[in-house]
């Protein structure tokens, strides 16, 4: 019997988070909002008490519900940026 290769994972052309690391998402949110506003929008201790990318990564990798909130805020930020670029008067 010959070994078979596993099937390739399905392409995700419509998934805006596909190919993004959690670190890239956190870094983009911090660059856009800053730690203080990020902690106000998503009140997690990893964002409000001695915040850092590494502590946030550690917490978010273990906590699916918190990661979903962060991903949701990232998607909201991206939509908001696209809208503001689409309106030249803004």
PDB file of N, CA and C in Angstrom:
ATOM      1  N   UNK A   1       0.833  -1.176   0.000  1.00  0.00           N
ATOM      2  CA  UNK A   1       0.000   0.000   0.000  1.00  0.00           C
ATOM      3  C   UNK A   1       0.884   1.249   0.000  1.00  0.00           C
ATOM      4  N   UNK A   2       0.544   2.239  -0.793  1.00  0.00           N
ATOM      5  CA  UNK A   2       1.341   3.453  -0.846  1.00  0.00           C
ATOM      6  C   UNK A   2       0.755   4.499   0.091  1.00  0.00           C
ATOM      7  N   UNK A   3       1.631   5.258   0.734  1.00  0.00           N
ATOM      8  CA  UNK A   3       1.107   6.300   1.636  1.00  0.00           C
ATOM      9  C   UNK A   3       0.438   7.404   0.826  1.00  0.00           C
ATOM     10  N   UNK A   4      -0.636   7.903   1.361  1.00  0.00           N
ATOM     11  CA  UNK A   4      -1.356   8.980   0.678  1.00  0.00           C
ATOM     12  C   UNK A   4      -1.096  10.292   1.402  1.00  0.00           C
ATOM     13  N   UNK A   5      -1.096  11.340   0.648  1.00  0.00           N
ATOM     14  CA  UNK A   5      -0.917  12.649   1.262  1.00  0.00           C
ATOM     15  C   UNK A   5      -2.275  13.158   1.728  1.00  0.00           C
ATOM     16  N   UNK A   6      -2.277  13.870   2.843  1.00  0.00           N
ATOM     17  CA  UNK A   6      -3.561  14.391   3.323  1.00  0.00           C
ATOM     18  C   UNK A   6      -4.090  15.443   2.354  1.00  0.00           C
ATOM     19  N   UNK A   7      -5.402  15.593   2.317  1.00  0.00           N
ATOM     20  CA  UNK A   7      -5.970  16.592   1.404  1.00  0.00           C
ATOM     21  C   UNK A   7      -5.548  18.003   1.819  1.00  0.00           C
ATOM     22  N   UNK A   8      -5.408  18.871   0.845  1.00  0.00           N
ATOM     23  CA  UNK A   8      -5.035  20.258   1.122  1.00  0.00           C
ATOM     24  C   UNK A   8      -6.181  20.947   1.851  1.00  0.00           C
ATOM     25  N   UNK A   9      -5.837  21.843   2.788  1.00  0.00           N
ATOM     26  CA  UNK A   9      -6.927  22.556   3.477  1.00  0.00           C
ATOM     27  C   UNK A   9      -7.689  23.409   2.488  1.00  0.00           C
ATOM     28  N   UNK A  10      -8.980  23.582   2.714  1.00  0.00           N
ATOM     29  CA  UNK A  10      -9.776  24.368   1.769  1.00  0.00           C
ATOM     30  C   UNK A  10      -9.309  25.820   1.730  1.00  0.00           C
ATOM     31  N   UNK A  11      -9.342  26.392   0.549  1.00  0.00           N
ATOM     32  CA  UNK A  11      -8.986  27.796   0.395  1.00  0.00           C
ATOM     33  C   UNK A  11     -10.053  28.650   1.079  1.00  0.00           C
ATOM     34  N   UNK A  12      -9.625  29.776   1.606  1.00  0.00           N
ATOM     35  CA  UNK A  12     -10.560  30.655   2.305  1.00  0.00           C
ATOM     36  C   UNK A  12     -10.501  32.060   1.712  1.00  0.00           C
ATOM     37  N   UNK A  13     -10.905  32.199   0.459  1.00  0.00           N
ATOM     38  CA  UNK A  13     -10.770  33.512  -0.177  1.00  0.00           C
ATOM     39  C   UNK A  13     -11.665  34.587   0.433  1.00  0.00           C
ATOM     40  N   UNK A  14     -12.752  34.214   1.095  1.00  0.00           N
ATOM     41  CA  UNK A  14     -13.691  35.190   1.648  1.00  0.00           C
ATOM     42  C   UNK A  14     -13.454  35.453   3.137  1.00  0.00           C
ATOM     43  N   UNK A  15     -12.474  34.809   3.729  1.00  0.00           N
ATOM     44  CA  UNK A  15     -12.200  34.981   5.151  1.00  0.00           C
ATOM     45  C   UNK A  15     -11.173  36.100   5.331  1.00  0.00           C
ATOM     46  N   UNK A  16     -11.568  37.253   5.875  1.00  0.00           N
ATOM     47  CA  UNK A  16     -10.633  38.366   6.010  1.00  0.00           C
ATOM     48  C   UNK A  16      -9.523  38.111   7.027  1.00  0.00           C
ATOM     49  N   UNK A  17      -9.682  37.119   7.889  1.00  0.00           N
ATOM     50  CA  UNK A  17      -8.653  36.807   8.879  1.00  0.00           C
ATOM     51  C   UNK A  17      -7.681  35.734   8.399  1.00  0.00           C
ATOM     52  N   UNK A  18      -7.969  35.147   7.247  1.00  0.00           N
ATOM     53  CA  UNK A  18      -7.115  34.070   6.738  1.00  0.00           C
ATOM     54  C   UNK A  18      -5.704  34.591   6.471  1.00  0.00           C
ATOM     55  N   UNK A  19      -4.723  33.903   7.029  1.00  0.00           N
ATOM     56  CA  UNK A  19      -3.328  34.268   6.822  1.00  0.00           C
ATOM     57  C   UNK A  19      -2.802  35.277   7.824  1.00  0.00           C
ATOM     58  N   UNK A  20      -3.651  35.815   8.674  1.00  0.00           N
ATOM     59  CA  UNK A  20      -3.216  36.766   9.685  1.00  0.00           C
ATOM     60  C   UNK A  20      -2.894  36.041  10.979  1.00  0.00           C
ATOM     61  N   UNK A  21      -1.806  36.424  11.601  1.00  0.00           N
ATOM     62  CA  UNK A  21      -1.487  35.851  12.909  1.00  0.00           C
ATOM     63  C   UNK A  21      -2.179  36.674  13.986  1.00  0.00           C
ATOM     64  N   UNK A  22      -2.361  36.071  15.138  1.00  0.00           N
ATOM     65  CA  UNK A  22      -2.948  36.786  16.264  1.00  0.00           C
ATOM     66  C   UNK A  22      -2.046  37.955  16.660  1.00  0.00           C
ATOM     67  N   UNK A  23      -0.747  37.763  16.553  1.00  0.00           N
ATOM     68  CA  UNK A  23       0.197  38.844  16.872  1.00  0.00           C
ATOM     69  C   UNK A  23      -0.001  40.035  15.931  1.00  0.00           C
ATOM     70  N   UNK A  24      -0.215  39.778  14.652  1.00  0.00           N
ATOM     71  CA  UNK A  24      -0.435  40.860  13.689  1.00  0.00           C
ATOM     72  C   UNK A  24      -1.735  41.602  14.001  1.00  0.00           C
ATOM     73  N   UNK A  25      -2.749  40.872  14.422  1.00  0.00           N
ATOM     74  CA  UNK A  25      -4.041  41.489  14.759  1.00  0.00           C
ATOM     75  C   UNK A  25      -3.881  42.400  15.977  1.00  0.00           C
ATOM     76  N   UNK A  26      -3.238  41.897  17.026  1.00  0.00           N
ATOM     77  CA  UNK A  26      -3.047  42.699  18.238  1.00  0.00           C
ATOM     78  C   UNK A  26      -2.202  43.930  17.935  1.00  0.00           C
ATOM     79  N   UNK A  27      -1.131  43.747  17.188  1.00  0.00           N
ATOM     80  CA  UNK A  27      -0.247  44.864  16.843  1.00  0.00           C
ATOM     81  C   UNK A  27      -1.003  45.943  16.067  1.00  0.00           C
ATOM     82  N   UNK A  28      -1.849  45.533  15.128  1.00  0.00           N
ATOM     83  CA  UNK A  28      -2.634  46.497  14.352  1.00  0.00           C
ATOM     84  C   UNK A  28      -3.639  47.228  15.246  1.00  0.00           C
ATOM     85  N   UNK A  29      -4.276  46.513  16.157  1.00  0.00           N
ATOM     86  CA  UNK A  29      -5.237  47.151  17.062  1.00  0.00           C
ATOM     87  C   UNK A  29      -4.550  48.155  17.974  1.00  0.00           C
ATOM     88  N   UNK A  30      -3.390  47.793  18.497  1.00  0.00           N
ATOM     89  CA  UNK A  30      -2.658  48.703  19.382  1.00  0.00           C
ATOM     90  C   UNK A  30      -2.189  49.929  18.605  1.00  0.00           C
ATOM     91  N   UNK A  31      -1.738  49.732  17.378  1.00  0.00           N
ATOM     92  CA  UNK A  31      -1.295  50.868  16.563  1.00  0.00           C
ATOM     93  C   UNK A  31      -2.460  51.811  16.268  1.00  0.00           C
ATOM     94  N   UNK A  32      -3.636  51.258  16.078  1.00  0.00           N
ATOM     95  CA  UNK A  32      -4.802  52.077  15.728  1.00  0.00           C
ATOM     96  C   UNK A  32      -5.437  52.726  16.964  1.00  0.00           C
ATOM     97  N   UNK A  33      -5.675  51.938  18.012  1.00  0.00           N
ATOM     98  CA  UNK A  33      -6.397  52.436  19.181  1.00  0.00           C
ATOM     99  C   UNK A  33      -5.498  52.821  20.348  1.00  0.00           C
ATOM    100  N   UNK A  34      -4.357  52.156  20.498  1.00  0.00           N
ATOM    101  CA  UNK A  34      -3.542  52.328  21.695  1.00  0.00           C
ATOM    102  C   UNK A  34      -4.040  51.381  22.786  1.00  0.00           C
ATOM    103  N   UNK A  35      -3.183  51.099  23.757  1.00  0.00           N
ATOM    104  CA  UNK A  35      -3.555  50.139  24.806  1.00  0.00           C
ATOM    105  C   UNK A  35      -4.736  50.628  25.632  1.00  0.00           C
ATOM    106  N   UNK A  36      -4.765  51.932  25.947  1.00  0.00           N
ATOM    107  CA  UNK A  36      -5.829  52.444  26.815  1.00  0.00           C
ATOM    108  C   UNK A  36      -7.205  52.282  26.178  1.00  0.00           C
ATOM    109  N   UNK A  37      -7.346  52.721  24.942  1.00  0.00           N
ATOM    110  CA  UNK A  37      -8.654  52.594  24.277  1.00  0.00           C
ATOM    111  C   UNK A  37      -8.995  51.132  23.997  1.00  0.00           C
ATOM    112  N   UNK A  38      -7.988  50.339  23.674  1.00  0.00           N
ATOM    113  CA  UNK A  38      -8.231  48.903  23.459  1.00  0.00           C
ATOM    114  C   UNK A  38      -8.784  48.277  24.731  1.00  0.00           C
ATOM    115  N   UNK A  39      -8.217  48.648  25.890  1.00  0.00           N
ATOM    116  CA  UNK A  39      -8.713  48.152  27.178  1.00  0.00           C
ATOM    117  C   UNK A  39     -10.111  48.636  27.502  1.00  0.00           C
ATOM    118  N   UNK A  40     -10.481  49.807  26.983  1.00  0.00           N
ATOM    119  CA  UNK A  40     -11.843  50.305  27.201  1.00  0.00           C
ATOM    120  C   UNK A  40     -12.831  49.578  26.293  1.00  0.00           C
ATOM    121  N   UNK A  41     -12.422  49.300  25.071  1.00  0.00           N
ATOM    122  CA  UNK A  41     -13.309  48.622  24.126  1.00  0.00           C
ATOM    123  C   UNK A  41     -13.489  47.149  24.473  1.00  0.00           C
ATOM    124  N   UNK A  42     -12.404  46.505  24.903  1.00  0.00           N
ATOM    125  CA  UNK A  42     -12.464  45.106  25.332  1.00  0.00           C
ATOM    126  C   UNK A  42     -11.797  45.048  26.708  1.00  0.00           C
ATOM    127  N   UNK A  43     -12.590  45.097  27.775  1.00  0.00           N
ATOM    128  CA  UNK A  43     -12.008  45.177  29.115  1.00  0.00           C
ATOM    129  C   UNK A  43     -11.410  43.846  29.590  1.00  0.00           C
ATOM    130  N   UNK A  44     -10.183  43.608  29.181  1.00  0.00           N
ATOM    131  CA  UNK A  44      -9.433  42.436  29.605  1.00  0.00           C
ATOM    132  C   UNK A  44      -8.193  42.914  30.336  1.00  0.00           C
ATOM    133  N   UNK A  45      -7.795  42.209  31.384  1.00  0.00           N
ATOM    134  CA  UNK A  45      -6.618  42.632  32.135  1.00  0.00           C
ATOM    135  C   UNK A  45      -5.352  42.650  31.297  1.00  0.00           C
ATOM    136  N   UNK A  46      -5.268  41.777  30.309  1.00  0.00           N
ATOM    137  CA  UNK A  46      -4.065  41.760  29.474  1.00  0.00           C
ATOM    138  C   UNK A  46      -3.939  43.046  28.660  1.00  0.00           C
ATOM    139  N   UNK A  47      -5.033  43.831  28.555  1.00  0.00           N
ATOM    140  CA  UNK A  47      -4.999  45.110  27.855  1.00  0.00           C
ATOM    141  C   UNK A  47      -4.943  46.294  28.818  1.00  0.00           C
ATOM    142  N   UNK A  48      -5.320  46.094  30.071  1.00  0.00           N
ATOM    143  CA  UNK A  48      -5.427  47.231  30.994  1.00  0.00           C
ATOM    144  C   UNK A  48      -4.343  47.260  32.060  1.00  0.00           C
ATOM    145  N   UNK A  49      -3.828  46.121  32.460  1.00  0.00           N
ATOM    146  CA  UNK A  49      -2.836  46.067  33.534  1.00  0.00           C
ATOM    147  C   UNK A  49      -1.499  45.596  32.982  1.00  0.00           C
ATOM    148  N   UNK A  50      -0.561  46.507  32.872  1.00  0.00           N
ATOM    149  CA  UNK A  50       0.761  46.223  32.309  1.00  0.00           C
ATOM    150  C   UNK A  50       0.635  45.496  30.965  1.00  0.00           C
ATOM    151  N   UNK A  51      -0.006  46.138  29.996  1.00  0.00           N
ATOM    152  CA  UNK A  51      -0.255  45.471  28.708  1.00  0.00           C
ATOM    153  C   UNK A  51       1.019  45.251  27.895  1.00  0.00           C
ATOM    154  N   UNK A  52       1.047  44.130  27.220  1.00  0.00           N
ATOM    155  CA  UNK A  52       2.117  43.842  26.265  1.00  0.00           C
ATOM    156  C   UNK A  52       1.568  42.857  25.240  1.00  0.00           C
ATOM    157  N   UNK A  53       2.206  42.825  24.095  1.00  0.00           N
ATOM    158  CA  UNK A  53       1.772  41.909  23.046  1.00  0.00           C
ATOM    159  C   UNK A  53       1.952  40.473  23.532  1.00  0.00           C
ATOM    160  N   UNK A  54       3.074  40.177  24.174  1.00  0.00           N
ATOM    161  CA  UNK A  54       3.327  38.791  24.587  1.00  0.00           C
ATOM    162  C   UNK A  54       2.330  38.309  25.637  1.00  0.00           C
ATOM    163  N   UNK A  55       1.988  39.147  26.628  1.00  0.00           N
ATOM    164  CA  UNK A  55       1.008  38.709  27.629  1.00  0.00           C
ATOM    165  C   UNK A  55      -0.374  38.553  27.002  1.00  0.00           C
ATOM    166  N   UNK A  56      -0.702  39.429  26.053  1.00  0.00           N
ATOM    167  CA  UNK A  56      -1.990  39.328  25.375  1.00  0.00           C
ATOM    168  C   UNK A  56      -2.076  38.047  24.549  1.00  0.00           C
ATOM    169  N   UNK A  57      -0.990  37.735  23.846  1.00  0.00           N
ATOM    170  CA  UNK A  57      -0.959  36.498  23.056  1.00  0.00           C
ATOM    171  C   UNK A  57      -1.162  35.282  23.939  1.00  0.00           C
ATOM    172  N   UNK A  58      -0.460  35.257  25.054  1.00  0.00           N
ATOM    173  CA  UNK A  58      -0.544  34.112  25.966  1.00  0.00           C
ATOM    174  C   UNK A  58      -1.987  33.912  26.441  1.00  0.00           C
ATOM    175  N   UNK A  59      -2.646  35.011  26.830  1.00  0.00           N
ATOM    176  CA  UNK A  59      -4.016  34.917  27.323  1.00  0.00           C
ATOM    177  C   UNK A  59      -4.995  34.554  26.207  1.00  0.00           C
ATOM    178  N   UNK A  60      -4.886  35.234  25.074  1.00  0.00           N
ATOM    179  CA  UNK A  60      -5.861  35.038  23.996  1.00  0.00           C
ATOM    180  C   UNK A  60      -5.765  33.661  23.361  1.00  0.00           C
ATOM    181  N   UNK A  61      -4.576  33.065  23.355  1.00  0.00           N
ATOM    182  CA  UNK A  61      -4.444  31.711  22.798  1.00  0.00           C
ATOM    183  C   UNK A  61      -5.143  30.677  23.666  1.00  0.00           C
ATOM    184  N   UNK A  62      -5.306  30.975  24.959  1.00  0.00           N
ATOM    185  CA  UNK A  62      -5.951  30.031  25.877  1.00  0.00           C
ATOM    186  C   UNK A  62      -7.437  30.313  26.055  1.00  0.00           C
ATOM    187  N   UNK A  63      -7.910  31.466  25.565  1.00  0.00           N
ATOM    188  CA  UNK A  63      -9.269  31.911  25.862  1.00  0.00           C
ATOM    189  C   UNK A  63     -10.023  32.211  24.568  1.00  0.00           C
ATOM    190  N   UNK A  64     -10.731  31.222  24.030  1.00  0.00           N
ATOM    191  CA  UNK A  64     -11.408  31.401  22.738  1.00  0.00           C
ATOM    192  C   UNK A  64     -12.416  32.551  22.706  1.00  0.00           C
ATOM    193  N   UNK A  65     -13.192  32.752  23.772  1.00  0.00           N
ATOM    194  CA  UNK A  65     -14.199  33.812  23.752  1.00  0.00           C
ATOM    195  C   UNK A  65     -13.548  35.193  23.677  1.00  0.00           C
ATOM    196  N   UNK A  66     -12.401  35.364  24.324  1.00  0.00           N
ATOM    197  CA  UNK A  66     -11.710  36.652  24.282  1.00  0.00           C
ATOM    198  C   UNK A  66     -11.078  36.868  22.906  1.00  0.00           C
ATOM    199  N   UNK A  67     -10.557  35.791  22.338  1.00  0.00           N
ATOM    200  CA  UNK A  67      -9.966  35.901  21.001  1.00  0.00           C
ATOM    201  C   UNK A  67     -11.036  36.308  19.980  1.00  0.00           C
ATOM    202  N   UNK A  68     -12.242  35.765  20.120  1.00  0.00           N
ATOM    203  CA  UNK A  68     -13.332  36.143  19.218  1.00  0.00           C
ATOM    204  C   UNK A  68     -13.647  37.629  19.318  1.00  0.00           C
ATOM    205  N   UNK A  69     -13.613  38.180  20.531  1.00  0.00           N
ATOM    206  CA  UNK A  69     -13.866  39.614  20.709  1.00  0.00           C
ATOM    207  C   UNK A  69     -12.782  40.442  20.020  1.00  0.00           C
ATOM    208  N   UNK A  70     -11.531  40.009  20.155  1.00  0.00           N
ATOM    209  CA  UNK A  70     -10.417  40.728  19.539  1.00  0.00           C
ATOM    210  C   UNK A  70     -10.522  40.656  18.015  1.00  0.00           C
ATOM    211  N   UNK A  71     -10.821  39.479  17.498  1.00  0.00           N
ATOM    212  CA  UNK A  71     -10.969  39.335  16.046  1.00  0.00           C
ATOM    213  C   UNK A  71     -12.135  40.179  15.535  1.00  0.00           C
ATOM    214  N   UNK A  72     -13.223  40.223  16.296  1.00  0.00           N
ATOM    215  CA  UNK A  72     -14.373  41.036  15.913  1.00  0.00           C
ATOM    216  C   UNK A  72     -14.038  42.520  15.879  1.00  0.00           C
ATOM    217  N   UNK A  73     -13.281  42.990  16.867  1.00  0.00           N
ATOM    218  CA  UNK A  73     -12.878  44.386  16.884  1.00  0.00           C
ATOM    219  C   UNK A  73     -11.943  44.686  15.714  1.00  0.00           C
ATOM    220  N   UNK A  74     -11.080  43.747  15.380  1.00  0.00           N
ATOM    221  CA  UNK A  74     -10.175  43.934  14.242  1.00  0.00           C
ATOM    222  C   UNK A  74     -10.979  44.077  12.944  1.00  0.00           C
ATOM    223  N   UNK A  75     -11.979  43.218  12.756  1.00  0.00           N
ATOM    224  CA  UNK A  75     -12.820  43.297  11.557  1.00  0.00           C
ATOM    225  C   UNK A  75     -13.590  44.614  11.515  1.00  0.00           C
ATOM    226  N   UNK A  76     -14.086  45.052  12.674  1.00  0.00           N
ATOM    227  CA  UNK A  76     -14.779  46.342  12.750  1.00  0.00           C
ATOM    228  C   UNK A  76     -13.833  47.471  12.356  1.00  0.00           C
ATOM    229  N   UNK A  77     -12.604  47.429  12.880  1.00  0.00           N
ATOM    230  CA  UNK A  77     -11.609  48.454  12.563  1.00  0.00           C
ATOM    231  C   UNK A  77     -11.321  48.486  11.061  1.00  0.00           C
ATOM    232  N   UNK A  78     -11.184  47.317  10.446  1.00  0.00           N
ATOM    233  CA  UNK A  78     -10.913  47.250   9.014  1.00  0.00           C
ATOM    234  C   UNK A  78     -12.068  47.833   8.204  1.00  0.00           C
ATOM    235  N   UNK A  79     -13.312  47.498   8.574  1.00  0.00           N
ATOM    236  CA  UNK A  79     -14.487  48.057   7.880  1.00  0.00           C
ATOM    237  C   UNK A  79     -14.524  49.573   8.021  1.00  0.00           C
ATOM    238  N   UNK A  80     -14.246  50.051   9.237  1.00  0.00           N
ATOM    239  CA  UNK A  80     -14.267  51.477   9.507  1.00  0.00           C
ATOM    240  C   UNK A  80     -13.196  52.203   8.685  1.00  0.00           C
ATOM    241  N   UNK A  81     -12.018  51.611   8.580  1.00  0.00           N
ATOM    242  CA  UNK A  81     -10.944  52.215   7.783  1.00  0.00           C
ATOM    243  C   UNK A  81     -11.318  52.253   6.303  1.00  0.00           C
ATOM    244  N   UNK A  82     -11.930  51.181   5.804  1.00  0.00           N
ATOM    245  CA  UNK A  82     -12.355  51.159   4.400  1.00  0.00           C
ATOM    246  C   UNK A  82     -13.410  52.226   4.133  1.00  0.00           C
ATOM    247  N   UNK A  83     -14.351  52.378   5.063  1.00  0.00           N
ATOM    248  CA  UNK A  83     -15.402  53.389   4.897  1.00  0.00           C
ATOM    249  C   UNK A  83     -14.814  54.795   4.886  1.00  0.00           C
ATOM    250  N   UNK A  84     -13.871  55.056   5.776  1.00  0.00           N
ATOM    251  CA  UNK A  84     -13.304  56.403   5.842  1.00  0.00           C
ATOM    252  C   UNK A  84     -12.465  56.707   4.609  1.00  0.00           C
ATOM    253  N   UNK A  85     -11.827  55.694   4.019  1.00  0.00           N
ATOM    254  CA  UNK A  85     -11.071  55.908   2.783  1.00  0.00           C
ATOM    255  C   UNK A  85     -12.004  56.106   1.604  1.00  0.00           C
ATOM    256  N   UNK A  86     -13.192  55.490   1.641  1.00  0.00           N
ATOM    257  CA  UNK A  86     -14.150  55.592   0.540  1.00  0.00           C
ATOM    258  C   UNK A  86     -14.803  56.971   0.499  1.00  0.00           C
ATOM    259  N   UNK A  87     -14.899  57.634   1.637  1.00  0.00           N
ATOM    260  CA  UNK A  87     -15.507  58.968   1.703  1.00  0.00           C
ATOM    261  C   UNK A  87     -14.407  60.020   1.676  1.00  0.00           C
ATOM    262  N   UNK A  88     -14.239  60.722   0.587  1.00  0.00           N
ATOM    263  CA  UNK A  88     -13.169  61.725   0.517  1.00  0.00           C
ATOM    264  C   UNK A  88     -13.426  62.934   1.419  1.00  0.00           C
ATOM    265  N   UNK A  89     -14.683  63.187   1.822  1.00  0.00           N
ATOM    266  CA  UNK A  89     -14.990  64.332   2.666  1.00  0.00           C
ATOM    267  C   UNK A  89     -14.702  64.066   4.130  1.00  0.00           C
ATOM    268  N   UNK A  90     -14.430  62.830   4.504  1.00  0.00           N
ATOM    269  CA  UNK A  90     -14.211  62.489   5.918  1.00  0.00           C
ATOM    270  C   UNK A  90     -12.815  62.799   6.367  1.00  0.00           C
TER     271      UNK A  90
END
